Amino acid sequence: MSVQSTIDGRAGLDIFADTIAEMTWLEVDQAAKDGAVLLWAFGVIEQHGPHLPTGTDVYLPAARLRGVRATLAQRGIKALIVPPYYWGVNVVSGSFPASPNVRPEVIKELMADVFAGFARDGFRHVFCFSGHGDALHNRTVHDGIRLGVERTGLDISFVIDAALAQRIGLSLDDPHLTLVDGTPSAHVAARAAQVSSPSAQVAPGQYVDVHAGQWETSMMMSCCAPLVRESVRQTLKPTNYGVEDLMTWRQGYDAARRKTPLGYFGDPAAATLAQGERSLARSIAAAADAIERRLRAAAG
C-alpha cells in the first residue's frame, strides 16, 4: 500500500483528521477498553524559510502518525492519534517571526496533565513523537514523558532514533525510549551527530541539510504539496554550509538568523516528490516496527 493511499488531500492539510478530535467520547472509551494505544506528536509553529509553512513541524509528524496508525491496524494493533501539540521550544529560530518559544516547565506540566487524563480514561500505552529537531525541545518532551510516568504509572515512551537520542544526551537504555532505526529522522540525526563537533570531518562537496532543505521540503511535497510555495522553492540557492556553519547556527536566536537570513539550511530546490514519498514510507514502517517490538516485550 502506498503512503499516499493512507493520506488523502483533506487529511494532509487537516491536523485533526483521523485523530480523537473527530471521535465521540463513546468511541474513545470503547477503544481504551479494547486496549488501543495512543500516538502523540510534539511539533512547533516555527519559520521554515520562504517556501514552507510555519506548521511544517506539525504537518509532517501528523502525516507520519496517520501512516503508523494504518500500518499497526494491518498488524492487529489498534491505535488512536492524539491531536498534535504545536506550541514548543524554539531556540534556533527564536529570532524569527512566527516562532514562539514556550517555557519547558509549561510544556512538561501540560504533558503530565494530559497523560493523567489518558490514564483516567483507561489507556495504558502512549507513544510520543517529535516533529522538531531543536535539542531543548526534544529534551523537554523526554522530561515531560518521565514526569507523566512518575505521576500516572503508564507506559509512556519517546519514539526516537538512536542518533538523535545521543545528540541530546539521552542514554540508549533509557526505559522511556522506543528506539527507531533507519528512518529519515535517523538520517538527519546521523548527519547532525556526525557534525556535532568542530573537529568532525565532512567530505569535500558534502554539505549539511538540516532545516527546510532538501529532505524536509521533499517530505512536505509528499504530504502537503499545496502548502509548498513551489515558485519560490525553485529559486532558492543551496546554503552550502558545513560543520563550522552548523555550530554557529545551533547557537540559535540572532546567530542563527544571521547565518540563515532566509530561514533555511540546506538545498530546498533539490527536493523531489519521489524522495519525500520514500522517506515518509520508511519512517512509517520503522516507527510501526519499533512500537510493535515494545508492545510484544511488554506482553512478555
Foldseek 3Di string as FASTA:
>chain_A
DFLDVLADQVQLVDLCPQACVPPDPVVVLVCLVVAAEEEEEEEAQFDFFPFFHSCLLQSLVSSLVSLLQVVVVVVVHHYHYHRYHYHAAAFLRVQPPRGDGDDLVVVLVVLLVVLQVCLVSNHAEYEYEYSDLQLVRVVSVVNSQVSNCVVRVGLAAYEEAPLSCVLSPHDPPPSRYLHFPDAVRNVLSVLCSQLVDVPRDDDPPDAHFHGSAQQSLLQCCQRPVVRGNVVVLLPDDALRHHNVLVVQSSSHHPSVCVSPVRNGHYHSNNHDNVSNSVNSVRNSVRSSVSVVVVVVVVVD
